[in-house]
Amino acid sequence: TGGSISANEFYLVQEANFRKALDNRWGFGYRFLQDVDFEGPLTKNLVQLDYGTPPWRVGPVAEMDAFKQDLDLGLTGEWAPSDRHALKAWAFFVDPLYNEKTSSQDGYERRAVTWSA
């Protein structure tokens, strides 16, 4: 998806999905997301394992990054009543091990969670 947002700026959203069924209930997926807007590019590489029978699937998901401190873990769910329609949602627990990894006084007072659908 793309569009012009001003005389000299362009908005672009790209997404690629891959899912491989491992058997009748288990599957493995990879999702590439890229947003380009006023603040520059935002790229996400998501890897997931899912379990269920159509139309429902649930499972863990991880946002992979070369920098260990940017690794986020979460849960995903999908309801797909047909090949053309689906509702997907996920919740990411942003840097869930940060407080345990740092030796400084910095840290989260609460667990940071990002929701999306």
C-alpha atoms as a PDB file:
ATOM      1  CA  THR A   1       0.000   0.000   0.000  1.00  0.00           C
ATOM      2  CA  GLY A   2       1.343   3.421  -0.779  1.00  0.00           C
ATOM      3  CA  GLY A   3       0.287   6.977  -1.300  1.00  0.00           C
ATOM      4  CA  SER A   4       1.401  10.555  -1.455  1.00  0.00           C
ATOM      5  CA  ILE A   5       1.097  12.435   1.839  1.00  0.00           C
ATOM      6  CA  SER A   6       2.544  15.743   0.654  1.00  0.00           C
ATOM      7  CA  ALA A   7       4.217  17.313  -2.365  1.00  0.00           C
ATOM      8  CA  ASN A   8       7.543  15.674  -1.536  1.00  0.00           C
ATOM      9  CA  GLU A   9       6.736  12.780   0.851  1.00  0.00           C
ATOM     10  CA  PHE A  10       5.462   9.286   0.174  1.00  0.00           C
ATOM     11  CA  TYR A  11       3.863   6.780   2.567  1.00  0.00           C
ATOM     12  CA  LEU A  12       4.548   3.078   1.944  1.00  0.00           C
ATOM     13  CA  VAL A  13       3.465  -0.122   3.723  1.00  0.00           C
ATOM     14  CA  GLN A  14       4.736  -3.537   2.606  1.00  0.00           C
ATOM     15  CA  GLU A  15       3.902  -6.951   4.002  1.00  0.00           C
ATOM     16  CA  ALA A  16       4.850 -10.498   3.037  1.00  0.00           C
ATOM     17  CA  ASN A  17       3.519 -13.632   4.759  1.00  0.00           C
ATOM     18  CA  PHE A  18       4.635 -17.233   4.582  1.00  0.00           C
ATOM     19  CA  ARG A  19       3.044 -20.139   6.453  1.00  0.00           C
ATOM     20  CA  LYS A  20       3.963 -23.810   6.275  1.00  0.00           C
ATOM     21  CA  ALA A  21       1.704 -26.471   7.758  1.00  0.00           C
ATOM     22  CA  LEU A  22       3.751 -28.944   9.793  1.00  0.00           C
ATOM     23  CA  ASP A  23       0.831 -31.340  10.234  1.00  0.00           C
ATOM     24  CA  ASN A  24      -2.963 -31.077  10.646  1.00  0.00           C
ATOM     25  CA  ARG A  25      -2.708 -28.861  13.740  1.00  0.00           C
ATOM     26  CA  TRP A  26       0.770 -27.264  13.859  1.00  0.00           C
ATOM     27  CA  GLY A  27       2.192 -24.607  11.543  1.00  0.00           C
ATOM     28  CA  PHE A  28       5.227 -22.344  11.208  1.00  0.00           C
ATOM     29  CA  GLY A  29       5.092 -18.814   9.829  1.00  0.00           C
ATOM     30  CA  TYR A  30       7.252 -15.862   8.856  1.00  0.00           C
ATOM     31  CA  ARG A  31       5.937 -12.336   8.368  1.00  0.00           C
ATOM     32  CA  PHE A  32       7.858  -9.330   7.015  1.00  0.00           C
ATOM     33  CA  LEU A  33       6.410  -5.869   7.695  1.00  0.00           C
ATOM     34  CA  GLN A  34       7.803  -2.528   6.557  1.00  0.00           C
ATOM     35  CA  ASP A  35       6.377   0.953   7.121  1.00  0.00           C
ATOM     36  CA  VAL A  36       7.922   4.108   5.714  1.00  0.00           C
ATOM     37  CA  ASP A  37       6.508   7.414   6.927  1.00  0.00           C
ATOM     38  CA  PHE A  38       7.601  10.810   8.322  1.00  0.00           C
ATOM     39  CA  GLU A  39       9.969   9.170  10.809  1.00  0.00           C
ATOM     40  CA  GLY A  40      11.653   6.849   8.318  1.00  0.00           C
ATOM     41  CA  PRO A  41      11.498   3.082   7.784  1.00  0.00           C
ATOM     42  CA  LEU A  42      10.270   0.622  10.409  1.00  0.00           C
ATOM     43  CA  THR A  43      10.994  -3.030   9.584  1.00  0.00           C
ATOM     44  CA  LYS A  44       9.761  -6.071  11.524  1.00  0.00           C
ATOM     45  CA  ASN A  45      10.594  -9.740  11.030  1.00  0.00           C
ATOM     46  CA  LEU A  46       8.109 -11.966  12.856  1.00  0.00           C
ATOM     47  CA  VAL A  47       8.483 -15.715  13.373  1.00  0.00           C
ATOM     48  CA  GLN A  48       5.599 -17.733  14.772  1.00  0.00           C
ATOM     49  CA  LEU A  49       4.505 -21.222  15.678  1.00  0.00           C
ATOM     50  CA  ASP A  50       0.760 -21.818  15.639  1.00  0.00           C
ATOM     51  CA  TYR A  51      -1.610 -24.532  16.773  1.00  0.00           C
ATOM     52  CA  GLY A  52      -5.249 -25.177  15.993  1.00  0.00           C
ATOM     53  CA  THR A  53      -7.755 -26.331  13.455  1.00  0.00           C
ATOM     54  CA  PRO A  54      -9.417 -23.966  10.994  1.00  0.00           C
ATOM     55  CA  PRO A  55     -10.876 -21.453  11.458  1.00  0.00           C
ATOM     56  CA  TRP A  56      -8.929 -20.898  14.740  1.00  0.00           C
ATOM     57  CA  ARG A  57      -5.141 -20.775  15.312  1.00  0.00           C
ATOM     58  CA  VAL A  58      -3.112 -19.525  18.305  1.00  0.00           C
ATOM     59  CA  GLY A  59       0.555 -19.581  19.285  1.00  0.00           C
ATOM     60  CA  PRO A  60       3.758 -17.814  20.295  1.00  0.00           C
ATOM     61  CA  VAL A  61       5.388 -15.180  18.075  1.00  0.00           C
ATOM     62  CA  ALA A  62       8.785 -13.449  18.220  1.00  0.00           C
ATOM     63  CA  GLU A  63       9.984 -10.242  16.607  1.00  0.00           C
ATOM     64  CA  MET A  64      13.496 -11.139  15.479  1.00  0.00           C
ATOM     65  CA  ASP A  65      16.256  -8.540  15.357  1.00  0.00           C
ATOM     66  CA  ALA A  66      20.030  -8.643  15.072  1.00  0.00           C
ATOM     67  CA  PHE A  67      20.246  -6.689  18.332  1.00  0.00           C
ATOM     68  CA  LYS A  68      19.350  -8.901  21.271  1.00  0.00           C
ATOM     69  CA  GLN A  69      17.914  -6.008  23.250  1.00  0.00           C
ATOM     70  CA  ASP A  70      15.238  -5.514  20.559  1.00  0.00           C
ATOM     71  CA  LEU A  71      13.884  -9.084  20.701  1.00  0.00           C
ATOM     72  CA  ASP A  72      10.184  -9.048  21.617  1.00  0.00           C
ATOM     73  CA  LEU A  73       8.036 -12.074  22.468  1.00  0.00           C
ATOM     74  CA  GLY A  74       4.276 -12.393  22.194  1.00  0.00           C
ATOM     75  CA  LEU A  75       1.132 -14.348  21.442  1.00  0.00           C
ATOM     76  CA  THR A  76      -0.871 -14.395  18.230  1.00  0.00           C
ATOM     77  CA  GLY A  77      -4.338 -15.552  17.289  1.00  0.00           C
ATOM     78  CA  GLU A  78      -6.236 -15.888  14.029  1.00  0.00           C
ATOM     79  CA  TRP A  79      -9.821 -16.551  13.020  1.00  0.00           C
ATOM     80  CA  ALA A  80     -10.116 -17.267   9.281  1.00  0.00           C
ATOM     81  CA  PRO A  81     -13.609 -18.414   8.260  1.00  0.00           C
ATOM     82  CA  SER A  82     -12.573 -18.515   4.565  1.00  0.00           C
ATOM     83  CA  ASP A  83      -9.511 -18.135   2.339  1.00  0.00           C
ATOM     84  CA  ARG A  84     -10.439 -14.505   1.629  1.00  0.00           C
ATOM     85  CA  HIS A  85     -11.300 -13.317   5.145  1.00  0.00           C
ATOM     86  CA  ALA A  86      -9.292 -13.399   8.365  1.00  0.00           C
ATOM     87  CA  LEU A  87      -8.996 -11.546  11.639  1.00  0.00           C
ATOM     88  CA  LYS A  88      -5.494 -11.608  13.153  1.00  0.00           C
ATOM     89  CA  ALA A  89      -4.408 -10.189  16.493  1.00  0.00           C
ATOM     90  CA  TRP A  90      -1.260 -10.272  18.560  1.00  0.00           C
ATOM     91  CA  ALA A  91       0.150  -8.982  21.815  1.00  0.00           C
ATOM     92  CA  PHE A  92       3.879  -8.347  22.216  1.00  0.00           C
ATOM     93  CA  PHE A  93       5.605  -8.255  25.564  1.00  0.00           C
ATOM     94  CA  VAL A  94       8.195  -5.613  24.730  1.00  0.00           C
ATOM     95  CA  ASP A  95      11.690  -6.673  25.821  1.00  0.00           C
ATOM     96  CA  PRO A  96      10.320  -9.022  28.509  1.00  0.00           C
ATOM     97  CA  LEU A  97      13.722  -9.860  30.005  1.00  0.00           C
ATOM     98  CA  TYR A  98      15.135  -6.309  30.148  1.00  0.00           C
ATOM     99  CA  ASN A  99      15.021  -5.956  33.933  1.00  0.00           C
ATOM    100  CA  GLU A 100      16.786  -9.301  34.334  1.00  0.00           C
ATOM    101  CA  LYS A 101      19.456  -8.488  31.709  1.00  0.00           C
ATOM    102  CA  THR A 102      20.585  -5.100  32.992  1.00  0.00           C
ATOM    103  CA  SER A 103      22.861  -4.506  35.946  1.00  0.00           C
ATOM    104  CA  SER A 104      21.985  -0.790  36.110  1.00  0.00           C
ATOM    105  CA  GLN A 105      19.195   0.852  38.110  1.00  0.00           C
ATOM    106  CA  ASP A 106      17.246   1.417  34.879  1.00  0.00           C
ATOM    107  CA  GLY A 107      14.292  -0.819  34.201  1.00  0.00           C
ATOM    108  CA  TYR A 108      10.592  -1.078  33.554  1.00  0.00           C
ATOM    109  CA  GLU A 109       8.278  -0.397  36.481  1.00  0.00           C
ATOM    110  CA  ARG A 110       5.536  -2.287  34.653  1.00  0.00           C
ATOM    111  CA  ARG A 111       5.656  -4.875  31.897  1.00  0.00           C
ATOM    112  CA  ALA A 112       5.335  -3.131  28.524  1.00  0.00           C
ATOM    113  CA  VAL A 113       2.744  -4.715  26.181  1.00  0.00           C
ATOM    114  CA  THR A 114       1.826  -3.767  22.605  1.00  0.00           C
ATOM    115  CA  TRP A 115      -1.554  -4.910  21.209  1.00  0.00           C
ATOM    116  CA  SER A 116      -2.520  -4.974  17.545  1.00  0.00           C
ATOM    117  CA  ALA A 117      -5.249  -6.396  15.300  1.00  0.00           C
END
